[in-house]
């Protein structure tokens, strides 16, 4: 079961576009590229809080703690993820969500046994 995090999708989309606006002029940014941006979590027996990010057909799993890549790649946009996680409250909220998602999954798994 995957947990989609719509609120974070919007925040990350805006953050990446804003970061690119600082580096380029607005006309050089392909804003439509981020229409399919997804942020989600999948419950895992791995005890390292992580989040999946998909942009188009590319996806990667990032450690919430430091933004490092566990697996996959989202191309040049990957450099924005650690910066986004450092924004006030993002890391803490994602970690709390990850703990809650894994707690729910563990409880459902226990009921099936």
Protein backbone atom coordinates (compact mmCIF):
# COMPACT_ATOMS: atom_id res chain seq x y z
CA UNK A 1 0.00 0.00 0.00
CA UNK A 2 1.48 3.36 -1.02
CA UNK A 3 0.71 6.61 0.75
CA UNK A 4 0.39 9.56 -1.64
CA UNK A 5 1.39 12.85 -0.14
CA UNK A 6 -0.44 15.47 -2.23
CA UNK A 7 0.43 18.35 0.06
CA UNK A 8 4.14 17.65 -0.36
CA UNK A 9 3.79 17.22 -4.11
CA UNK A 10 2.54 20.79 -4.41
CA UNK A 11 5.22 22.11 -2.07
CA UNK A 12 8.03 20.31 -3.90
CA UNK A 13 6.73 21.36 -7.33
CA UNK A 14 6.67 25.02 -6.27
CA UNK A 15 10.09 24.74 -4.63
CA UNK A 16 11.76 23.26 -7.73
CA UNK A 17 10.20 25.85 -10.03
CA UNK A 18 11.24 28.69 -7.68
CA UNK A 19 14.81 27.32 -7.52
CA UNK A 20 14.97 27.19 -11.30
CA UNK A 21 13.61 30.71 -11.59
CA UNK A 22 16.52 31.89 -9.46
CA UNK A 23 18.97 30.19 -11.83
CA UNK A 24 17.24 30.81 -15.19
CA UNK A 25 14.68 33.14 -16.59
CA UNK A 26 11.06 31.99 -16.49
CA UNK A 27 10.99 31.19 -20.22
CA UNK A 28 13.71 28.54 -19.80
CA UNK A 29 11.67 26.43 -17.36
CA UNK A 30 9.50 23.56 -18.55
CA UNK A 31 6.80 23.87 -15.88
CA UNK A 32 4.67 21.13 -17.48
CA UNK A 33 7.43 18.63 -16.65
CA UNK A 34 6.31 18.85 -13.02
CA UNK A 35 2.59 18.26 -13.62
CA UNK A 36 3.11 14.55 -12.97
CA UNK A 37 5.35 14.97 -9.92
CA UNK A 38 4.47 12.44 -7.22
CA UNK A 39 5.65 12.13 -3.63
CA UNK A 40 4.74 8.91 -1.86
CA UNK A 41 5.77 6.42 0.79
CA UNK A 42 5.57 2.67 0.82
CA UNK A 43 5.61 0.90 4.16
CA UNK A 44 8.84 -1.00 4.60
CA UNK A 45 10.56 -3.29 7.03
CA UNK A 46 13.59 -1.05 6.52
CA UNK A 47 13.69 1.27 9.51
CA UNK A 48 15.25 4.23 7.71
CA UNK A 49 12.62 6.90 7.00
CA UNK A 50 12.48 7.46 3.26
CA UNK A 51 10.27 8.97 0.60
CA UNK A 52 9.77 8.19 -3.09
CA UNK A 53 9.67 11.01 -5.63
CA UNK A 54 8.59 10.53 -9.23
CA UNK A 55 8.92 13.13 -11.98
CA UNK A 56 7.59 11.89 -15.30
CA UNK A 57 8.96 8.39 -15.85
CA UNK A 58 11.92 8.84 -13.49
CA UNK A 59 11.74 8.02 -9.80
CA UNK A 60 14.06 7.76 -6.84
CA UNK A 61 13.92 6.91 -3.16
CA UNK A 62 15.49 9.46 -0.80
CA UNK A 63 16.45 9.23 2.84
CA UNK A 64 14.41 11.82 4.69
CA UNK A 65 17.23 12.47 7.16
CA UNK A 66 19.72 13.92 4.68
CA UNK A 67 18.17 13.74 1.21
CA UNK A 68 20.65 11.18 -0.06
CA UNK A 69 19.51 8.78 -2.76
CA UNK A 70 18.82 5.19 -1.74
CA UNK A 71 17.91 4.00 -5.23
CA UNK A 72 16.89 5.42 -8.60
CA UNK A 73 17.34 8.84 -10.16
CA UNK A 74 15.19 11.81 -11.10
CA UNK A 75 17.91 13.45 -13.18
CA UNK A 76 19.06 17.03 -12.69
CA UNK A 77 16.17 17.81 -10.32
CA UNK A 78 17.73 15.48 -7.76
CA UNK A 79 19.90 18.31 -6.43
CA UNK A 80 16.81 20.14 -5.17
CA UNK A 81 15.61 17.38 -2.83
CA UNK A 82 18.11 17.92 0.05
CA UNK A 83 17.44 21.69 -0.13
CA UNK A 84 13.68 21.08 -0.01
CA UNK A 85 14.01 18.71 2.95
CA UNK A 86 15.93 21.43 4.82
CA UNK A 87 13.01 23.85 4.57
CA UNK A 88 11.39 24.52 7.92
CA UNK A 89 9.21 21.64 9.08
CA UNK A 90 9.38 19.47 5.95
CA UNK A 91 11.78 16.84 7.29
CA UNK A 92 9.98 16.57 10.62
CA UNK A 93 6.54 16.23 9.02
CA UNK A 94 7.73 13.60 6.54
CA UNK A 95 9.40 11.58 9.31
CA UNK A 96 6.21 11.69 11.39
CA UNK A 97 4.17 10.62 8.34
CA UNK A 98 6.61 7.77 7.63
CA UNK A 99 6.37 6.53 11.23
CA UNK A 100 2.56 6.67 11.11
CA UNK A 101 2.41 4.89 7.73
CA UNK A 102 4.64 2.10 8.99
CA UNK A 103 2.70 1.80 12.24
CA UNK A 104 -0.57 1.33 10.33
CA UNK A 105 1.05 -1.21 8.00
CA UNK A 106 2.53 -3.14 10.95
CA UNK A 107 -0.86 -3.26 12.68
CA UNK A 108 -2.56 -4.58 9.53
CA UNK A 109 0.18 -7.18 9.10
CA UNK A 110 -0.26 -8.33 12.72
CA UNK A 111 -4.01 -8.76 12.24
CA UNK A 112 -3.44 -11.05 9.25
CA UNK A 113 -1.19 -13.40 11.23
